[in-house]
Amino acid sequence: MLRFRRMKTLQRLASVHANVHNHSSLDRHVVDRQTYKECRAAALAEWQLVAG
């Protein structure tokens, strides 16, 4: 956090990071493998649409 000269930049990065992490992070221990893989593939496809 010391690399950021402005607090606004840090807050913007933290906000985006939190949204992406919440979107792509799944509780692996709660779901079975097939469901986990399907959800990860869907999240990755959506992320590629947004980022691409």
PDB file of N, CA and C in Angstrom:
ATOM      1  N   MET A   1       0.813  -1.190   0.000  1.00  0.00           N
ATOM      2  CA  MET A   1       0.000   0.000   0.000  1.00  0.00           C
ATOM      3  C   MET A   1       0.860   1.259   0.000  1.00  0.00           C
ATOM      4  N   LEU A   2       2.099   1.125   0.297  1.00  0.00           N
ATOM      5  CA  LEU A   2       2.969   2.295   0.307  1.00  0.00           C
ATOM      6  C   LEU A   2       3.318   2.766  -1.106  1.00  0.00           C
ATOM      7  N   ARG A   3       3.074   1.917  -2.107  1.00  0.00           N
ATOM      8  CA  ARG A   3       3.403   2.290  -3.482  1.00  0.00           C
ATOM      9  C   ARG A   3       2.424   3.302  -4.061  1.00  0.00           C
ATOM     10  N   PHE A   4       1.251   3.427  -3.483  1.00  0.00           N
ATOM     11  CA  PHE A   4       0.232   4.316  -4.014  1.00  0.00           C
ATOM     12  C   PHE A   4       0.440   5.731  -3.482  1.00  0.00           C
ATOM     13  N   ARG A   5       0.498   6.671  -4.394  1.00  0.00           N
ATOM     14  CA  ARG A   5       0.698   8.062  -3.983  1.00  0.00           C
ATOM     15  C   ARG A   5      -0.597   8.697  -3.518  1.00  0.00           C
ATOM     16  N   ARG A   6      -1.698   8.241  -4.059  1.00  0.00           N
ATOM     17  CA  ARG A   6      -2.991   8.822  -3.702  1.00  0.00           C
ATOM     18  C   ARG A   6      -3.896   7.760  -3.104  1.00  0.00           C
ATOM     19  N   MET A   7      -4.594   8.128  -2.074  1.00  0.00           N
ATOM     20  CA  MET A   7      -5.514   7.207  -1.416  1.00  0.00           C
ATOM     21  C   MET A   7      -6.645   6.798  -2.354  1.00  0.00           C
ATOM     22  N   LYS A   8      -7.050   7.716  -3.235  1.00  0.00           N
ATOM     23  CA  LYS A   8      -8.139   7.421  -4.171  1.00  0.00           C
ATOM     24  C   LYS A   8      -7.770   6.263  -5.102  1.00  0.00           C
ATOM     25  N   THR A   9      -6.529   6.216  -5.536  1.00  0.00           N
ATOM     26  CA  THR A   9      -6.070   5.133  -6.404  1.00  0.00           C
ATOM     27  C   THR A   9      -6.114   3.799  -5.673  1.00  0.00           C
ATOM     28  N   LEU A  10      -5.667   3.796  -4.450  1.00  0.00           N
ATOM     29  CA  LEU A  10      -5.704   2.585  -3.644  1.00  0.00           C
ATOM     30  C   LEU A  10      -7.130   2.125  -3.413  1.00  0.00           C
ATOM     31  N   GLN A  11      -8.031   3.036  -3.126  1.00  0.00           N
ATOM     32  CA  GLN A  11      -9.426   2.674  -2.895  1.00  0.00           C
ATOM     33  C   GLN A  11     -10.063   2.106  -4.153  1.00  0.00           C
ATOM     34  N   ARG A  12      -9.737   2.684  -5.308  1.00  0.00           N
ATOM     35  CA  ARG A  12     -10.283   2.189  -6.569  1.00  0.00           C
ATOM     36  C   ARG A  12      -9.793   0.759  -6.835  1.00  0.00           C
ATOM     37  N   LEU A  13      -8.495   0.524  -6.634  1.00  0.00           N
ATOM     38  CA  LEU A  13      -7.938  -0.810  -6.832  1.00  0.00           C
ATOM     39  C   LEU A  13      -8.577  -1.811  -5.872  1.00  0.00           C
ATOM     40  N   ALA A  14      -8.715  -1.429  -4.619  1.00  0.00           N
ATOM     41  CA  ALA A  14      -9.300  -2.326  -3.625  1.00  0.00           C
ATOM     42  C   ALA A  14     -10.749  -2.660  -3.969  1.00  0.00           C
ATOM     43  N   SER A  15     -11.485  -1.697  -4.471  1.00  0.00           N
ATOM     44  CA  SER A  15     -12.874  -1.916  -4.842  1.00  0.00           C
ATOM     45  C   SER A  15     -12.987  -2.898  -6.005  1.00  0.00           C
ATOM     46  N   VAL A  16     -12.178  -2.678  -7.036  1.00  0.00           N
ATOM     47  CA  VAL A  16     -12.208  -3.569  -8.199  1.00  0.00           C
ATOM     48  C   VAL A  16     -11.746  -4.968  -7.799  1.00  0.00           C
ATOM     49  N   HIS A  17     -10.681  -5.035  -7.024  1.00  0.00           N
ATOM     50  CA  HIS A  17     -10.161  -6.336  -6.597  1.00  0.00           C
ATOM     51  C   HIS A  17     -11.209  -7.106  -5.796  1.00  0.00           C
ATOM     52  N   ALA A  18     -11.908  -6.444  -4.914  1.00  0.00           N
ATOM     53  CA  ALA A  18     -12.927  -7.110  -4.101  1.00  0.00           C
ATOM     54  C   ALA A  18     -14.052  -7.654  -4.977  1.00  0.00           C
ATOM     55  N   ASN A  19     -14.483  -6.874  -5.961  1.00  0.00           N
ATOM     56  CA  ASN A  19     -15.552  -7.339  -6.846  1.00  0.00           C
ATOM     57  C   ASN A  19     -15.126  -8.542  -7.670  1.00  0.00           C
ATOM     58  N   VAL A  20     -13.940  -8.504  -8.209  1.00  0.00           N
ATOM     59  CA  VAL A  20     -13.454  -9.622  -9.015  1.00  0.00           C
ATOM     60  C   VAL A  20     -13.243 -10.849  -8.137  1.00  0.00           C
ATOM     61  N   HIS A  21     -12.671 -10.665  -6.980  1.00  0.00           N
ATOM     62  CA  HIS A  21     -12.427 -11.794  -6.083  1.00  0.00           C
ATOM     63  C   HIS A  21     -13.740 -12.440  -5.640  1.00  0.00           C
ATOM     64  N   ASN A  22     -14.730 -11.639  -5.295  1.00  0.00           N
ATOM     65  CA  ASN A  22     -16.015 -12.191  -4.882  1.00  0.00           C
ATOM     66  C   ASN A  22     -16.703 -12.907  -6.028  1.00  0.00           C
ATOM     67  N   HIS A  23     -16.505 -12.419  -7.246  1.00  0.00           N
ATOM     68  CA  HIS A  23     -17.140 -13.034  -8.410  1.00  0.00           C
ATOM     69  C   HIS A  23     -16.506 -14.379  -8.744  1.00  0.00           C
ATOM     70  N   SER A  24     -15.199 -14.464  -8.623  1.00  0.00           N
ATOM     71  CA  SER A  24     -14.507 -15.665  -9.072  1.00  0.00           C
ATOM     72  C   SER A  24     -14.148 -16.623  -7.939  1.00  0.00           C
ATOM     73  N   SER A  25     -14.321 -16.218  -6.722  1.00  0.00           N
ATOM     74  CA  SER A  25     -13.955 -17.068  -5.595  1.00  0.00           C
ATOM     75  C   SER A  25     -15.136 -17.937  -5.178  1.00  0.00           C
ATOM     76  N   LEU A  26     -14.895 -19.224  -5.110  1.00  0.00           N
ATOM     77  CA  LEU A  26     -15.931 -20.160  -4.672  1.00  0.00           C
ATOM     78  C   LEU A  26     -15.411 -20.959  -3.487  1.00  0.00           C
ATOM     79  N   ASP A  27     -16.312 -21.384  -2.655  1.00  0.00           N
ATOM     80  CA  ASP A  27     -15.922 -22.242  -1.538  1.00  0.00           C
ATOM     81  C   ASP A  27     -15.788 -23.664  -2.051  1.00  0.00           C
ATOM     82  N   ARG A  28     -14.574 -24.058  -2.369  1.00  0.00           N
ATOM     83  CA  ARG A  28     -14.317 -25.368  -2.957  1.00  0.00           C
ATOM     84  C   ARG A  28     -14.770 -26.492  -2.045  1.00  0.00           C
ATOM     85  N   HIS A  29     -14.649 -26.324  -0.762  1.00  0.00           N
ATOM     86  CA  HIS A  29     -14.981 -27.392   0.167  1.00  0.00           C
ATOM     87  C   HIS A  29     -16.490 -27.602   0.310  1.00  0.00           C
ATOM     88  N   VAL A  30     -17.299 -26.692  -0.224  1.00  0.00           N
ATOM     89  CA  VAL A  30     -18.749 -26.786  -0.061  1.00  0.00           C
ATOM     90  C   VAL A  30     -19.404 -27.512  -1.234  1.00  0.00           C
ATOM     91  N   VAL A  31     -18.849 -27.384  -2.430  1.00  0.00           N
ATOM     92  CA  VAL A  31     -19.472 -27.962  -3.624  1.00  0.00           C
ATOM     93  C   VAL A  31     -18.633 -29.123  -4.150  1.00  0.00           C
ATOM     94  N   ASP A  32     -19.285 -29.981  -4.940  1.00  0.00           N
ATOM     95  CA  ASP A  32     -18.538 -31.099  -5.514  1.00  0.00           C
ATOM     96  C   ASP A  32     -17.697 -30.611  -6.701  1.00  0.00           C
ATOM     97  N   ARG A  33     -16.850 -31.486  -7.187  1.00  0.00           N
ATOM     98  CA  ARG A  33     -15.863 -31.101  -8.201  1.00  0.00           C
ATOM     99  C   ARG A  33     -16.506 -30.633  -9.501  1.00  0.00           C
ATOM    100  N   GLN A  34     -17.501 -31.354  -9.971  1.00  0.00           N
ATOM    101  CA  GLN A  34     -18.137 -31.006 -11.241  1.00  0.00           C
ATOM    102  C   GLN A  34     -18.809 -29.630 -11.169  1.00  0.00           C
ATOM    103  N   THR A  35     -19.527 -29.369 -10.090  1.00  0.00           N
ATOM    104  CA  THR A  35     -20.179 -28.071  -9.921  1.00  0.00           C
ATOM    105  C   THR A  35     -19.142 -26.961  -9.829  1.00  0.00           C
ATOM    106  N   TYR A  36     -18.061 -27.212  -9.119  1.00  0.00           N
ATOM    107  CA  TYR A  36     -16.991 -26.228  -8.990  1.00  0.00           C
ATOM    108  C   TYR A  36     -16.388 -25.883 -10.349  1.00  0.00           C
ATOM    109  N   LYS A  37     -16.109 -26.917 -11.154  1.00  0.00           N
ATOM    110  CA  LYS A  37     -15.528 -26.694 -12.469  1.00  0.00           C
ATOM    111  C   LYS A  37     -16.481 -25.929 -13.383  1.00  0.00           C
ATOM    112  N   GLU A  38     -17.763 -26.232 -13.319  1.00  0.00           N
ATOM    113  CA  GLU A  38     -18.746 -25.522 -14.132  1.00  0.00           C
ATOM    114  C   GLU A  38     -18.843 -24.051 -13.734  1.00  0.00           C
ATOM    115  N   CYS A  39     -18.854 -23.791 -12.448  1.00  0.00           N
ATOM    116  CA  CYS A  39     -18.929 -22.408 -11.967  1.00  0.00           C
ATOM    117  C   CYS A  39     -17.667 -21.627 -12.329  1.00  0.00           C
ATOM    118  N   ARG A  40     -16.506 -22.251 -12.210  1.00  0.00           N
ATOM    119  CA  ARG A  40     -15.250 -21.584 -12.580  1.00  0.00           C
ATOM    120  C   ARG A  40     -15.222 -21.284 -14.062  1.00  0.00           C
ATOM    121  N   ALA A  41     -15.687 -22.222 -14.891  1.00  0.00           N
ATOM    122  CA  ALA A  41     -15.706 -21.993 -16.337  1.00  0.00           C
ATOM    123  C   ALA A  41     -16.651 -20.845 -16.691  1.00  0.00           C
ATOM    124  N   ALA A  42     -17.801 -20.792 -16.034  1.00  0.00           N
ATOM    125  CA  ALA A  42     -18.751 -19.707 -16.281  1.00  0.00           C
ATOM    126  C   ALA A  42     -18.178 -18.363 -15.839  1.00  0.00           C
ATOM    127  N   ALA A  43     -17.523 -18.336 -14.692  1.00  0.00           N
ATOM    128  CA  ALA A  43     -16.922 -17.094 -14.197  1.00  0.00           C
ATOM    129  C   ALA A  43     -15.799 -16.638 -15.130  1.00  0.00           C
ATOM    130  N   LEU A  44     -14.998 -17.569 -15.615  1.00  0.00           N
ATOM    131  CA  LEU A  44     -13.920 -17.209 -16.527  1.00  0.00           C
ATOM    132  C   LEU A  44     -14.464 -16.676 -17.854  1.00  0.00           C
ATOM    133  N   ALA A  45     -15.494 -17.317 -18.373  1.00  0.00           N
ATOM    134  CA  ALA A  45     -16.109 -16.839 -19.626  1.00  0.00           C
ATOM    135  C   ALA A  45     -16.675 -15.435 -19.464  1.00  0.00           C
ATOM    136  N   GLU A  46     -17.344 -15.185 -18.340  1.00  0.00           N
ATOM    137  CA  GLU A  46     -17.890 -13.858 -18.108  1.00  0.00           C
ATOM    138  C   GLU A  46     -16.779 -12.830 -17.945  1.00  0.00           C
ATOM    139  N   TRP A  47     -15.722 -13.201 -17.258  1.00  0.00           N
ATOM    140  CA  TRP A  47     -14.601 -12.282 -17.065  1.00  0.00           C
ATOM    141  C   TRP A  47     -13.958 -11.934 -18.409  1.00  0.00           C
ATOM    142  N   GLN A  48     -13.839 -12.911 -19.297  1.00  0.00           N
ATOM    143  CA  GLN A  48     -13.262 -12.644 -20.607  1.00  0.00           C
ATOM    144  C   GLN A  48     -14.142 -11.707 -21.425  1.00  0.00           C
ATOM    145  N   LEU A  49     -15.452 -11.801 -21.270  1.00  0.00           N
ATOM    146  CA  LEU A  49     -16.335 -10.869 -21.945  1.00  0.00           C
ATOM    147  C   LEU A  49     -16.152  -9.451 -21.417  1.00  0.00           C
ATOM    148  N   VAL A  50     -16.038  -9.339 -20.118  1.00  0.00           N
ATOM    149  CA  VAL A  50     -15.899  -8.019 -19.494  1.00  0.00           C
ATOM    150  C   VAL A  50     -14.531  -7.417 -19.815  1.00  0.00           C
ATOM    151  N   ALA A  51     -13.484  -8.206 -19.691  1.00  0.00           N
ATOM    152  CA  ALA A  51     -12.130  -7.710 -19.871  1.00  0.00           C
ATOM    153  C   ALA A  51     -11.721  -7.619 -21.336  1.00  0.00           C
ATOM    154  N   GLY A  52     -12.325  -8.431 -22.166  1.00  0.00           N
ATOM    155  CA  GLY A  52     -11.900  -8.508 -23.561  1.00  0.00           C
ATOM    156  C   GLY A  52     -12.420  -7.419 -24.370  1.00  0.00           C
TER     157      GLY A  52
END
